[in-house]
C-alpha cells in the first residue's frame, strides 16, 4: 500500500472511500440535474403547448390558444402559460396563467 493514497485509521475513513463517496454524490447530482433539465425542456416544448391547447379546448368546448408555455422548477414546480386566448375570435386574452405545486 502507498502511504499517500490510502491511510487506515481505526474507525476513520480512508482517502479512497471519501473520494468514492464524493464521486458518487457528484454523479447523482449530475443525473438529477439532467433529468430536471430534460423535464423542463419537454414541458416547455411546442408539443406540450399543443397538448395543453387540445385538452383545454376539449374540456371547455371553445377554442383555447397558448402563445408560449414554460416549465419551471424553482422556487416551486410549475408551468407558466403566456398569451392565452379563449374563443375564436378571442373574447378573452390572459397575458399569463400560472400552475404550480403547493
C-alpha atoms as a PDB file:
ATOM      1  CA  UNK A   1       0.000   0.000   0.000  1.00  0.00           C
ATOM      2  CA  UNK A   2       1.120   3.505  -0.745  1.00  0.00           C
ATOM      3  CA  UNK A   3       1.064   5.795   2.264  1.00  0.00           C
ATOM      4  CA  UNK A   4      -0.206   8.846   0.310  1.00  0.00           C
ATOM      5  CA  UNK A   5      -3.151   7.069  -1.340  1.00  0.00           C
ATOM      6  CA  UNK A   6      -4.609   5.062   1.497  1.00  0.00           C
ATOM      7  CA  UNK A   7      -4.342   5.843   5.163  1.00  0.00           C
ATOM      8  CA  UNK A   8      -6.061   3.467   7.519  1.00  0.00           C
ATOM      9  CA  UNK A   9      -7.067   4.797  10.879  1.00  0.00           C
ATOM     10  CA  UNK A  10      -9.090   2.875  13.427  1.00  0.00           C
ATOM     11  CA  UNK A  11     -12.733   3.838  12.928  1.00  0.00           C
ATOM     12  CA  UNK A  12     -11.824   6.505  10.350  1.00  0.00           C
ATOM     13  CA  UNK A  13     -12.458   6.940   6.652  1.00  0.00           C
ATOM     14  CA  UNK A  14      -9.826   6.215   4.082  1.00  0.00           C
ATOM     15  CA  UNK A  15      -8.960   8.683   1.329  1.00  0.00           C
ATOM     16  CA  UNK A  16     -10.206   6.243  -1.282  1.00  0.00           C
ATOM     17  CA  UNK A  17     -13.613   5.801   0.382  1.00  0.00           C
ATOM     18  CA  UNK A  18     -14.051   9.579   0.779  1.00  0.00           C
ATOM     19  CA  UNK A  19     -13.170  10.109  -2.892  1.00  0.00           C
ATOM     20  CA  UNK A  20     -15.553   7.358  -3.934  1.00  0.00           C
ATOM     21  CA  UNK A  21     -18.360   8.879  -1.850  1.00  0.00           C
ATOM     22  CA  UNK A  22     -17.734  12.338  -3.335  1.00  0.00           C
ATOM     23  CA  UNK A  23     -17.626  10.929  -6.855  1.00  0.00           C
ATOM     24  CA  UNK A  24     -20.897   9.058  -6.248  1.00  0.00           C
ATOM     25  CA  UNK A  25     -22.578  12.228  -4.948  1.00  0.00           C
ATOM     26  CA  UNK A  26     -21.312  14.201  -7.944  1.00  0.00           C
ATOM     27  CA  UNK A  27     -22.649  11.618 -10.415  1.00  0.00           C
ATOM     28  CA  UNK A  28     -26.034  11.576  -8.657  1.00  0.00           C
ATOM     29  CA  UNK A  29     -26.195  15.384  -8.734  1.00  0.00           C
ATOM     30  CA  UNK A  30     -25.434  15.435 -12.458  1.00  0.00           C
ATOM     31  CA  UNK A  31     -28.136  12.810 -13.097  1.00  0.00           C
ATOM     32  CA  UNK A  32     -30.763  14.692 -11.082  1.00  0.00           C
ATOM     33  CA  UNK A  33     -29.961  17.977 -12.820  1.00  0.00           C
ATOM     34  CA  UNK A  34     -30.034  16.272 -16.209  1.00  0.00           C
ATOM     35  CA  UNK A  35     -33.426  14.699 -15.538  1.00  0.00           C
ATOM     36  CA  UNK A  36     -34.808  18.026 -14.277  1.00  0.00           C
ATOM     37  CA  UNK A  37     -33.472  19.810 -17.344  1.00  0.00           C
ATOM     38  CA  UNK A  38     -34.960  17.229 -19.692  1.00  0.00           C
ATOM     39  CA  UNK A  39     -38.306  17.516 -17.922  1.00  0.00           C
ATOM     40  CA  UNK A  40     -38.300  21.297 -18.236  1.00  0.00           C
ATOM     41  CA  UNK A  41     -37.348  21.082 -21.907  1.00  0.00           C
ATOM     42  CA  UNK A  42     -40.213  18.678 -22.567  1.00  0.00           C
ATOM     43  CA  UNK A  43     -42.730  20.787 -20.651  1.00  0.00           C
ATOM     44  CA  UNK A  44     -41.600  23.920 -22.473  1.00  0.00           C
ATOM     45  CA  UNK A  45     -41.765  22.327 -25.909  1.00  0.00           C
ATOM     46  CA  UNK A  46     -44.299  23.088 -28.617  1.00  0.00           C
ATOM     47  CA  UNK A  47     -45.625  19.551 -28.268  1.00  0.00           C
ATOM     48  CA  UNK A  48     -46.624  20.190 -24.651  1.00  0.00           C
ATOM     49  CA  UNK A  49     -48.182  23.556 -25.567  1.00  0.00           C
ATOM     50  CA  UNK A  50     -50.223  21.907 -28.316  1.00  0.00           C
ATOM     51  CA  UNK A  51     -51.336  19.140 -25.929  1.00  0.00           C
ATOM     52  CA  UNK A  52     -52.481  21.720 -23.371  1.00  0.00           C
ATOM     53  CA  UNK A  53     -54.403  23.600 -26.062  1.00  0.00           C
ATOM     54  CA  UNK A  54     -56.167  20.414 -27.243  1.00  0.00           C
ATOM     55  CA  UNK A  55     -57.109  19.323 -23.720  1.00  0.00           C
ATOM     56  CA  UNK A  56     -58.343  22.776 -22.669  1.00  0.00           C
ATOM     57  CA  UNK A  57     -60.348  23.153 -25.890  1.00  0.00           C
ATOM     58  CA  UNK A  58     -61.984  19.751 -25.365  1.00  0.00           C
ATOM     59  CA  UNK A  59     -62.723  20.420 -21.684  1.00  0.00           C
ATOM     60  CA  UNK A  60     -64.162  23.917 -22.155  1.00  0.00           C
ATOM     61  CA  UNK A  61     -65.860  23.411 -25.512  1.00  0.00           C
ATOM     62  CA  UNK A  62     -64.288  26.542 -27.012  1.00  0.00           C
ATOM     63  CA  UNK A  63     -61.030  27.245 -28.780  1.00  0.00           C
ATOM     64  CA  UNK A  64     -58.053  27.855 -26.472  1.00  0.00           C
ATOM     65  CA  UNK A  65     -54.704  29.007 -27.847  1.00  0.00           C
ATOM     66  CA  UNK A  66     -51.481  29.367 -25.870  1.00  0.00           C
ATOM     67  CA  UNK A  67     -48.753  31.667 -27.154  1.00  0.00           C
ATOM     68  CA  UNK A  68     -45.922  30.214 -25.082  1.00  0.00           C
ATOM     69  CA  UNK A  69     -45.546  27.611 -22.323  1.00  0.00           C
ATOM     70  CA  UNK A  70     -42.606  27.463 -19.912  1.00  0.00           C
ATOM     71  CA  UNK A  71     -41.872  24.968 -17.145  1.00  0.00           C
ATOM     72  CA  UNK A  72     -40.004  25.922 -14.004  1.00  0.00           C
ATOM     73  CA  UNK A  73     -38.627  24.085 -11.008  1.00  0.00           C
ATOM     74  CA  UNK A  74     -37.613  26.977  -8.760  1.00  0.00           C
ATOM     75  CA  UNK A  75     -38.957  28.216  -6.348  1.00  0.00           C
ATOM     76  CA  UNK A  76     -41.859  25.809  -6.951  1.00  0.00           C
ATOM     77  CA  UNK A  77     -42.535  23.298  -9.685  1.00  0.00           C
ATOM     78  CA  UNK A  78     -44.974  24.793 -12.124  1.00  0.00           C
ATOM     79  CA  UNK A  79     -45.930  25.779 -15.664  1.00  0.00           C
ATOM     80  CA  UNK A  80     -46.380  29.340 -16.935  1.00  0.00           C
ATOM     81  CA  UNK A  81     -48.629  29.914 -19.943  1.00  0.00           C
ATOM     82  CA  UNK A  82     -48.321  33.234 -21.784  1.00  0.00           C
ATOM     83  CA  UNK A  83     -50.758  34.935 -24.169  1.00  0.00           C
ATOM     84  CA  UNK A  84     -53.665  32.556 -23.569  1.00  0.00           C
ATOM     85  CA  UNK A  85     -56.680  33.338 -25.777  1.00  0.00           C
ATOM     86  CA  UNK A  86     -60.163  31.979 -25.202  1.00  0.00           C
ATOM     87  CA  UNK A  87     -62.577  31.719 -28.125  1.00  0.00           C
ATOM     88  CA  UNK A  88     -62.263  32.247 -31.851  1.00  0.00           C
ATOM     89  CA  UNK A  89     -62.261  35.178 -32.354  1.00  0.00           C
ATOM     90  CA  UNK A  90     -60.720  35.745 -28.932  1.00  0.00           C
ATOM     91  CA  UNK A  91     -63.118  37.325 -26.458  1.00  0.00           C
ATOM     92  CA  UNK A  92     -60.715  36.862 -23.543  1.00  0.00           C
ATOM     93  CA  UNK A  93     -56.916  37.185 -23.549  1.00  0.00           C
ATOM     94  CA  UNK A  94     -54.814  36.372 -20.499  1.00  0.00           C
ATOM     95  CA  UNK A  95     -51.237  37.587 -20.534  1.00  0.00           C
ATOM     96  CA  UNK A  96     -50.067  34.961 -18.019  1.00  0.00           C
ATOM     97  CA  UNK A  97     -51.594  31.874 -16.408  1.00  0.00           C
ATOM     98  CA  UNK A  98     -49.578  30.024 -13.764  1.00  0.00           C
ATOM     99  CA  UNK A  99     -49.992  26.474 -12.468  1.00  0.00           C
ATOM    100  CA  UNK A 100     -47.739  25.466  -9.584  1.00  0.00           C
ATOM    101  CA  UNK A 101     -47.430  22.803  -6.921  1.00  0.00           C
ATOM    102  CA  UNK A 102     -48.414  23.938  -3.465  1.00  0.00           C
END
